[in-house]
Amino acid sequence: MTDFPALSELAAQETELQLPGFSNDDAWALGSALVARAQAEQLPVAIEISRHSHQLFHAALPGATPDNDTWITRKAATVHRFGHSSLYVGQRSREAGTTFEAEFGLDPERYVAHGGGFPVLVRDVGPVGVVVVSGLPQVDDHAMVVAALRAHLTNRG
């Protein structure tokens, strides 16, 4: 069974990973870094980055399938609706002793609380977009996005 990070850890990531701004160039740099890692490790993932529901970056690496795009859409919808990472939303339900599906009763064709969707958070503004990875186990999808956002923040200085 996959070990899920604690809700407190996921909340701390969202506090830590706030950007000073988010441009099309930032989306390109972040997406390109995710692709470079996926290529280096031969990861079968699809990646999408959007700002205000405007797709700024999309890539599908070898082994990714159209199903990954469906997962991306559902994870992104969850991030938009709740303002937190898709893994955070699922973990909040798990720690409350229930499931996302039972707690919210949302259409599972539209929403999924599986890791891999992370809000693009701009400091003093809030969520402005979403970064999503799909194709790995959900905790690994989430970790890949977190690592890329950390590196992006470091590179921005």
C-alpha atoms as a PDB file:
ATOM      1  CA  MET A   1       0.000   0.000   0.000  1.00  0.00           C
ATOM      2  CA  THR A   2       1.191   3.506  -0.819  1.00  0.00           C
ATOM      3  CA  ASP A   3       2.208   5.701   2.086  1.00  0.00           C
ATOM      4  CA  PHE A   4       0.436   9.022   1.788  1.00  0.00           C
ATOM      5  CA  PRO A   5       2.045  12.163   3.186  1.00  0.00           C
ATOM      6  CA  ALA A   6       0.238  13.685   6.168  1.00  0.00           C
ATOM      7  CA  LEU A   7      -2.173  16.524   5.508  1.00  0.00           C
ATOM      8  CA  SER A   8       0.108  18.855   7.477  1.00  0.00           C
ATOM      9  CA  GLU A   9       3.016  18.049   5.132  1.00  0.00           C
ATOM     10  CA  LEU A  10       0.859  18.688   2.064  1.00  0.00           C
ATOM     11  CA  ALA A  11      -0.331  22.010   3.520  1.00  0.00           C
ATOM     12  CA  ALA A  12       3.294  22.994   4.226  1.00  0.00           C
ATOM     13  CA  GLN A  13       4.193  22.297   0.583  1.00  0.00           C
ATOM     14  CA  GLU A  14       1.468  24.666  -0.586  1.00  0.00           C
ATOM     15  CA  THR A  15       2.760  27.366   1.762  1.00  0.00           C
ATOM     16  CA  GLU A  16       6.356  26.817   0.626  1.00  0.00           C
ATOM     17  CA  LEU A  17       5.731  26.620  -3.106  1.00  0.00           C
ATOM     18  CA  GLN A  18       4.259  30.063  -3.728  1.00  0.00           C
ATOM     19  CA  LEU A  19       5.712  31.907  -6.691  1.00  0.00           C
ATOM     20  CA  PRO A  20       6.332  35.663  -6.985  1.00  0.00           C
ATOM     21  CA  GLY A  21       4.459  35.595 -10.316  1.00  0.00           C
ATOM     22  CA  PHE A  22       3.547  33.199 -13.103  1.00  0.00           C
ATOM     23  CA  SER A  23       4.046  33.991 -16.790  1.00  0.00           C
ATOM     24  CA  ASN A  24       3.884  31.976 -19.993  1.00  0.00           C
ATOM     25  CA  ASP A  25       7.687  31.771 -19.805  1.00  0.00           C
ATOM     26  CA  ASP A  26       7.426  30.312 -16.290  1.00  0.00           C
ATOM     27  CA  ALA A  27       4.996  27.687 -17.588  1.00  0.00           C
ATOM     28  CA  TRP A  28       7.397  26.809 -20.386  1.00  0.00           C
ATOM     29  CA  ALA A  29      10.391  26.560 -18.029  1.00  0.00           C
ATOM     30  CA  LEU A  30       8.476  24.452 -15.499  1.00  0.00           C
ATOM     31  CA  GLY A  31       6.994  22.197 -18.178  1.00  0.00           C
ATOM     32  CA  SER A  32      10.351  21.779 -19.901  1.00  0.00           C
ATOM     33  CA  ALA A  33      11.972  20.787 -16.595  1.00  0.00           C
ATOM     34  CA  LEU A  34       9.246  18.192 -16.003  1.00  0.00           C
ATOM     35  CA  VAL A  35       9.746  16.819 -19.533  1.00  0.00           C
ATOM     36  CA  ALA A  36      13.535  16.682 -19.078  1.00  0.00           C
ATOM     37  CA  ARG A  37      13.147  14.639 -15.901  1.00  0.00           C
ATOM     38  CA  ALA A  38      10.564  12.350 -17.507  1.00  0.00           C
ATOM     39  CA  GLN A  39      12.864  11.769 -20.485  1.00  0.00           C
ATOM     40  CA  ALA A  40      15.915  11.143 -18.301  1.00  0.00           C
ATOM     41  CA  GLU A  41      14.016   8.593 -16.204  1.00  0.00           C
ATOM     42  CA  GLN A  42      11.896   7.231 -19.093  1.00  0.00           C
ATOM     43  CA  LEU A  43       8.682   8.032 -17.246  1.00  0.00           C
ATOM     44  CA  PRO A  44       5.428   7.407 -19.166  1.00  0.00           C
ATOM     45  CA  VAL A  45       3.716  10.639 -18.121  1.00  0.00           C
ATOM     46  CA  ALA A  46       1.572  13.383 -19.527  1.00  0.00           C
ATOM     47  CA  ILE A  47       2.099  16.911 -18.215  1.00  0.00           C
ATOM     48  CA  GLU A  48      -0.137  19.951 -18.366  1.00  0.00           C
ATOM     49  CA  ILE A  49       0.201  23.484 -17.024  1.00  0.00           C
ATOM     50  CA  SER A  50      -2.565  26.056 -17.197  1.00  0.00           C
ATOM     51  CA  ARG A  51      -3.266  29.555 -15.935  1.00  0.00           C
ATOM     52  CA  HIS A  52      -6.899  30.554 -15.395  1.00  0.00           C
ATOM     53  CA  SER A  53      -7.957  27.451 -17.388  1.00  0.00           C
ATOM     54  CA  HIS A  54      -5.796  28.529 -20.364  1.00  0.00           C
ATOM     55  CA  GLN A  55      -3.500  25.660 -21.337  1.00  0.00           C
ATOM     56  CA  LEU A  56       0.056  27.014 -21.501  1.00  0.00           C
ATOM     57  CA  PHE A  57       1.953  23.716 -21.717  1.00  0.00           C
ATOM     58  CA  HIS A  58       1.143  20.121 -22.573  1.00  0.00           C
ATOM     59  CA  ALA A  59       3.359  17.146 -23.281  1.00  0.00           C
ATOM     60  CA  ALA A  60       2.852  13.407 -23.520  1.00  0.00           C
ATOM     61  CA  LEU A  61       5.965  11.290 -23.141  1.00  0.00           C
ATOM     62  CA  PRO A  62       6.397   7.813 -24.642  1.00  0.00           C
ATOM     63  CA  GLY A  63       4.129   5.392 -22.831  1.00  0.00           C
ATOM     64  CA  ALA A  64       1.546   8.021 -21.869  1.00  0.00           C
ATOM     65  CA  THR A  65      -1.957   7.298 -23.162  1.00  0.00           C
ATOM     66  CA  PRO A  66      -5.129   9.277 -23.826  1.00  0.00           C
ATOM     67  CA  ASP A  67      -6.330   8.072 -20.400  1.00  0.00           C
ATOM     68  CA  ASN A  68      -3.621  10.235 -18.830  1.00  0.00           C
ATOM     69  CA  ASP A  69      -5.249  13.307 -20.385  1.00  0.00           C
ATOM     70  CA  THR A  70      -8.569  12.290 -18.841  1.00  0.00           C
ATOM     71  CA  TRP A  71      -6.881  11.971 -15.447  1.00  0.00           C
ATOM     72  CA  ILE A  72      -5.261  15.396 -15.965  1.00  0.00           C
ATOM     73  CA  THR A  73      -8.651  16.975 -16.638  1.00  0.00           C
ATOM     74  CA  ARG A  74     -10.197  15.396 -13.524  1.00  0.00           C
ATOM     75  CA  LYS A  75      -7.242  16.237 -11.249  1.00  0.00           C
ATOM     76  CA  ALA A  76      -7.194  19.843 -12.515  1.00  0.00           C
ATOM     77  CA  ALA A  77     -10.950  20.191 -11.897  1.00  0.00           C
ATOM     78  CA  THR A  78     -10.417  19.063  -8.303  1.00  0.00           C
ATOM     79  CA  VAL A  79      -7.599  21.576  -7.780  1.00  0.00           C
ATOM     80  CA  HIS A  80      -9.722  24.379  -9.258  1.00  0.00           C
ATOM     81  CA  ARG A  81     -12.738  23.479  -7.122  1.00  0.00           C
ATOM     82  CA  PHE A  82     -10.924  23.088  -3.792  1.00  0.00           C
ATOM     83  CA  GLY A  83      -7.890  25.371  -4.197  1.00  0.00           C
ATOM     84  CA  HIS A  84      -5.522  22.655  -2.961  1.00  0.00           C
ATOM     85  CA  SER A  85      -3.478  19.891  -4.522  1.00  0.00           C
ATOM     86  CA  SER A  86      -5.495  16.876  -5.601  1.00  0.00           C
ATOM     87  CA  LEU A  87      -3.488  14.741  -3.167  1.00  0.00           C
ATOM     88  CA  TYR A  88      -4.295  17.175  -0.320  1.00  0.00           C
ATOM     89  CA  VAL A  89      -8.015  16.909  -1.091  1.00  0.00           C
ATOM     90  CA  GLY A  90      -7.894  13.111  -1.033  1.00  0.00           C
ATOM     91  CA  GLN A  91      -5.753  13.009   2.101  1.00  0.00           C
ATOM     92  CA  ARG A  92      -8.108  15.377   3.927  1.00  0.00           C
ATOM     93  CA  SER A  93     -10.906  12.863   3.347  1.00  0.00           C
ATOM     94  CA  ARG A  94      -8.714   9.893   4.339  1.00  0.00           C
ATOM     95  CA  GLU A  95      -7.664  11.610   7.588  1.00  0.00           C
ATOM     96  CA  ALA A  96     -11.347  12.354   8.294  1.00  0.00           C
ATOM     97  CA  GLY A  97     -12.047   8.612   8.065  1.00  0.00           C
ATOM     98  CA  THR A  98     -13.919   8.704   4.768  1.00  0.00           C
ATOM     99  CA  THR A  99     -13.272   8.897   1.040  1.00  0.00           C
ATOM    100  CA  PHE A 100     -13.394  11.856  -1.309  1.00  0.00           C
ATOM    101  CA  GLU A 101     -16.220  10.185  -3.218  1.00  0.00           C
ATOM    102  CA  ALA A 102     -18.334   9.559  -0.095  1.00  0.00           C
ATOM    103  CA  GLU A 103     -17.633  12.964   1.442  1.00  0.00           C
ATOM    104  CA  PHE A 104     -18.451  15.131  -1.567  1.00  0.00           C
ATOM    105  CA  GLY A 105     -20.564  12.993  -3.912  1.00  0.00           C
ATOM    106  CA  LEU A 106     -19.116  14.704  -6.974  1.00  0.00           C
ATOM    107  CA  ASP A 107     -19.294  13.191 -10.436  1.00  0.00           C
ATOM    108  CA  PRO A 108     -16.260  10.844 -10.662  1.00  0.00           C
ATOM    109  CA  GLU A 109     -16.103  11.489 -14.395  1.00  0.00           C
ATOM    110  CA  ARG A 110     -15.300  15.153 -13.598  1.00  0.00           C
ATOM    111  CA  TYR A 111     -13.379  15.070 -10.306  1.00  0.00           C
ATOM    112  CA  VAL A 112     -10.742  12.819  -8.788  1.00  0.00           C
ATOM    113  CA  ALA A 113      -8.721  13.313  -5.602  1.00  0.00           C
ATOM    114  CA  HIS A 114      -5.606  11.434  -6.730  1.00  0.00           C
ATOM    115  CA  GLY A 115      -2.169  12.997  -6.502  1.00  0.00           C
ATOM    116  CA  GLY A 116      -0.570  14.825  -9.400  1.00  0.00           C
ATOM    117  CA  GLY A 117      -2.523  18.082  -9.568  1.00  0.00           C
ATOM    118  CA  PHE A 118      -0.985  21.053  -7.753  1.00  0.00           C
ATOM    119  CA  PRO A 119      -2.167  24.649  -7.687  1.00  0.00           C
ATOM    120  CA  VAL A 120       0.037  27.346  -9.188  1.00  0.00           C
ATOM    121  CA  LEU A 121       0.088  29.676  -6.202  1.00  0.00           C
ATOM    122  CA  VAL A 122       1.226  33.283  -6.532  1.00  0.00           C
ATOM    123  CA  ARG A 123       2.248  34.922  -3.261  1.00  0.00           C
ATOM    124  CA  ASP A 124      -0.299  37.505  -2.053  1.00  0.00           C
ATOM    125  CA  VAL A 125      -2.657  36.479  -4.892  1.00  0.00           C
ATOM    126  CA  GLY A 126      -3.525  32.804  -4.412  1.00  0.00           C
ATOM    127  CA  PRO A 127      -4.169  30.061  -6.960  1.00  0.00           C
ATOM    128  CA  VAL A 128      -3.896  31.175 -10.584  1.00  0.00           C
ATOM    129  CA  GLY A 129      -3.480  27.860 -12.334  1.00  0.00           C
ATOM    130  CA  VAL A 130      -2.606  24.188 -12.120  1.00  0.00           C
ATOM    131  CA  VAL A 131       0.366  21.915 -12.819  1.00  0.00           C
ATOM    132  CA  VAL A 132      -0.628  18.293 -13.396  1.00  0.00           C
ATOM    133  CA  VAL A 133       1.338  15.099 -13.988  1.00  0.00           C
ATOM    134  CA  SER A 134      -0.355  11.787 -14.761  1.00  0.00           C
ATOM    135  CA  GLY A 135       1.083   8.357 -15.437  1.00  0.00           C
ATOM    136  CA  LEU A 136       2.827   7.268 -12.237  1.00  0.00           C
ATOM    137  CA  PRO A 137       1.396   6.111  -8.914  1.00  0.00           C
ATOM    138  CA  GLN A 138      -0.420   9.121  -7.463  1.00  0.00           C
ATOM    139  CA  VAL A 139       2.092   9.938  -4.711  1.00  0.00           C
ATOM    140  CA  ASP A 140       4.885   9.844  -7.310  1.00  0.00           C
ATOM    141  CA  ASP A 141       2.924  12.123  -9.677  1.00  0.00           C
ATOM    142  CA  HIS A 142       2.551  14.578  -6.783  1.00  0.00           C
ATOM    143  CA  ALA A 143       6.217  14.330  -5.757  1.00  0.00           C
ATOM    144  CA  MET A 144       7.334  14.995  -9.327  1.00  0.00           C
ATOM    145  CA  VAL A 145       5.353  18.253  -9.448  1.00  0.00           C
ATOM    146  CA  VAL A 146       6.571  19.340  -5.999  1.00  0.00           C
ATOM    147  CA  ALA A 147      10.223  18.718  -6.948  1.00  0.00           C
ATOM    148  CA  ALA A 148       9.811  20.700 -10.173  1.00  0.00           C
ATOM    149  CA  LEU A 149       8.153  23.624  -8.391  1.00  0.00           C
ATOM    150  CA  ARG A 150      10.940  23.667  -5.762  1.00  0.00           C
ATOM    151  CA  ALA A 151      13.591  23.739  -8.470  1.00  0.00           C
ATOM    152  CA  HIS A 152      11.686  26.445 -10.371  1.00  0.00           C
ATOM    153  CA  LEU A 153      11.525  28.632  -7.247  1.00  0.00           C
ATOM    154  CA  THR A 154      15.253  28.142  -6.668  1.00  0.00           C
ATOM    155  CA  ASN A 155      16.067  29.011 -10.282  1.00  0.00           C
ATOM    156  CA  ARG A 156      13.982  32.191 -10.083  1.00  0.00           C
ATOM    157  CA  GLY A 157      16.087  33.279  -7.115  1.00  0.00           C
END
